[in-house]
Structure formats: structure tokens, C-alpha cells
C-alpha atoms as a PDB file:
ATOM      1  CA  MET A   1     -15.197   3.694   3.602  1.00  0.00           C
ATOM      2  CA  ILE A   2     -14.331   0.232   1.660  1.00  0.00           C
ATOM      3  CA  ILE A   3     -14.600   2.639  -1.502  1.00  0.00           C
ATOM      4  CA  ASN A   4     -12.468   5.106  -0.362  1.00  0.00           C
ATOM      5  CA  VAL A   5      -9.730   2.497   0.570  1.00  0.00           C
ATOM      6  CA  TYR A   6      -9.766   1.105  -2.345  1.00  0.00           C
ATOM      7  CA  PHE A   7      -9.836   4.715  -4.465  1.00  0.00           C
ATOM      8  CA  LEU A   8      -6.692   5.507  -2.384  1.00  0.00           C
ATOM      9  CA  LEU A   9      -4.902   2.128  -3.079  1.00  0.00           C
ATOM     10  CA  LEU A  10      -5.797   2.756  -6.842  1.00  0.00           C
ATOM     11  CA  LEU A  11      -4.241   6.555  -6.912  1.00  0.00           C
ATOM     12  CA  GLN A  12      -1.909   5.310  -5.134  1.00  0.00           C
ATOM     13  CA  GLY A  13      -0.581   2.614  -7.824  1.00  0.00           C
ATOM     14  CA  PHE A  14      -0.959   4.763 -10.288  1.00  0.00           C
ATOM     15  CA  ILE A  15       1.264   7.444  -8.830  1.00  0.00           C
ATOM     16  CA  ILE A  16       3.939   4.471  -8.038  1.00  0.00           C
ATOM     17  CA  GLU A  17       3.763   2.906 -11.741  1.00  0.00           C
ATOM     18  CA  THR A  18       4.074   6.701 -13.330  1.00  0.00           C
ATOM     19  CA  LEU A  19       7.299   7.533 -11.156  1.00  0.00           C
ATOM     20  CA  ALA A  20       8.732   4.304 -12.352  1.00  0.00           C
ATOM     21  CA  ASN A  21       7.997   4.896 -15.727  1.00  0.00           C
ATOM     22  CA  TYR A  22       9.501   8.295 -15.756  1.00  0.00           C
ATOM     23  CA  ASN A  23      12.630   6.722 -14.109  1.00  0.00           C
ATOM     24  CA  VAL A  24      12.136   8.694 -10.588  1.00  0.00           C
ATOM     25  CA  ILE A  25      12.080   5.455  -8.555  1.00  0.00           C
ATOM     26  CA  GLY A  26      15.089   3.897  -9.485  1.00  0.00           C
ATOM     27  CA  CYS A  27      16.383   0.478 -10.814  1.00  0.00           C
ATOM     28  CA  VAL A  28      19.237  -1.519  -9.277  1.00  0.00           C
ATOM     29  CA  PRO A  29      20.601  -2.738 -12.375  1.00  0.00           C
ATOM     30  CA  PRO A  30      21.703  -5.670 -13.192  1.00  0.00           C
ATOM     31  CA  TYR A  31      19.285  -7.252 -10.768  1.00  0.00           C
ATOM     32  CA  ILE A  32      16.035  -5.407 -10.645  1.00  0.00           C
ATOM     33  CA  SER A  33      14.083  -2.721 -13.090  1.00  0.00           C
ATOM     34  CA  SER A  34      12.402   0.119 -11.907  1.00  0.00           C
ATOM     35  CA  THR A  35       9.028  -1.192 -12.885  1.00  0.00           C
ATOM     36  CA  ALA A  36       9.917  -4.183 -10.479  1.00  0.00           C
ATOM     37  CA  MET A  37      11.097  -1.845  -7.685  1.00  0.00           C
ATOM     38  CA  ALA A  38       7.787  -0.389  -8.008  1.00  0.00           C
ATOM     39  CA  SER A  39       6.072  -3.566  -7.323  1.00  0.00           C
ATOM     40  CA  VAL A  40       7.844  -4.241  -4.523  1.00  0.00           C
ATOM     41  CA  ILE A  41       7.017  -0.808  -2.989  1.00  0.00           C
ATOM     42  CA  LYS A  42       3.432  -1.354  -3.767  1.00  0.00           C
ATOM     43  CA  SER A  43       3.813  -4.676  -1.987  1.00  0.00           C
ATOM     44  CA  ILE A  44       5.381  -2.869   1.288  1.00  0.00           C
ATOM     45  CA  LEU A  45       2.922  -0.104   1.360  1.00  0.00           C
ATOM     46  CA  CYS A  46      -0.143  -2.295   0.999  1.00  0.00           C
ATOM     47  CA  LEU A  47       1.290  -4.935   3.881  1.00  0.00           C
ATOM     48  CA  LEU A  48       1.561  -1.352   5.975  1.00  0.00           C
ATOM     49  CA  GLU A  49      -1.800  -0.121   4.913  1.00  0.00           C
ATOM     50  CA  SER A  50      -3.778  -3.451   5.765  1.00  0.00           C
ATOM     51  CA  PHE A  51      -1.679  -3.674   9.088  1.00  0.00           C
ATOM     52  CA  VAL A  52      -2.965  -0.084   9.943  1.00  0.00           C
ATOM     53  CA  PHE A  53      -6.389  -0.579   8.620  1.00  0.00           C
ATOM     54  CA  GLY A  54      -6.898  -3.954  10.367  1.00  0.00           C
ATOM     55  CA  SER A  55      -5.784  -3.017  14.066  1.00  0.00           C
ATOM     56  CA  LEU A  56      -7.991  -0.076  13.689  1.00  0.00           C
ATOM     57  CA  ALA A  57     -11.028  -2.263  12.838  1.00  0.00           C
ATOM     58  CA  PHE A  58     -10.024  -4.825  15.656  1.00  0.00           C
ATOM     59  CA  ARG A  59      -9.916  -1.257  18.044  1.00  0.00           C
ATOM     60  CA  LEU A  60     -13.227  -0.358  16.684  1.00  0.00           C
ATOM     61  CA  TYR A  61     -15.660  -3.588  16.547  1.00  0.00           C
ATOM     62  CA  VAL A  62     -13.944  -5.970  18.898  1.00  0.00           C
ATOM     63  CA  LEU A  63     -12.621  -3.905  21.837  1.00  0.00           C
ATOM     64  CA  ASP A  64     -15.050  -1.310  22.288  1.00  0.00           C
ATOM     65  CA  TYR A  65     -17.761  -3.679  21.904  1.00  0.00           C
ATOM     66  CA  THR A  66     -16.465  -6.508  24.282  1.00  0.00           C
ATOM     67  CA  HIS A  67     -16.749  -5.982  27.956  1.00  0.00           C
ATOM     68  CA  LEU A  68     -14.513  -7.815  29.798  1.00  0.00           C
END
């Protein structure tokens, strides 16, 4: 499971960096470059994924195995 999630993060980073290198992901001139914009997008996606996976892990390991 951990290897699959890590592979997905690497694949996601590769795709976003490729899109930034070919200027598919735009920049906000003169403030931020397309590479920096790609980094911001990767950070936001990583934050959302960690929230989703953390919520799933909490649901599976804490709520299902505790009897309150």
C-alpha cells in the first residue's frame, strides 16, 4: 500500500513537472514562473491526498477497532 501511494506521488510529480516544462501550466508574469506554479500545485495536491489517506486510515484503524 505504501509503495503504491509513493509511486502515485512520483507519477503525479513527473506529470506536473512535464506539463510545467512544456508551458502547459501557465505562469503569472512577473510574479511566479511556471515551475513555481507547478510546485504550488504539487503541494496542494499532496496536502489533499494526505488528508484523504489520513481520514481513511483513521476510519479503518481507529473507528472500526474501538468499541465505545
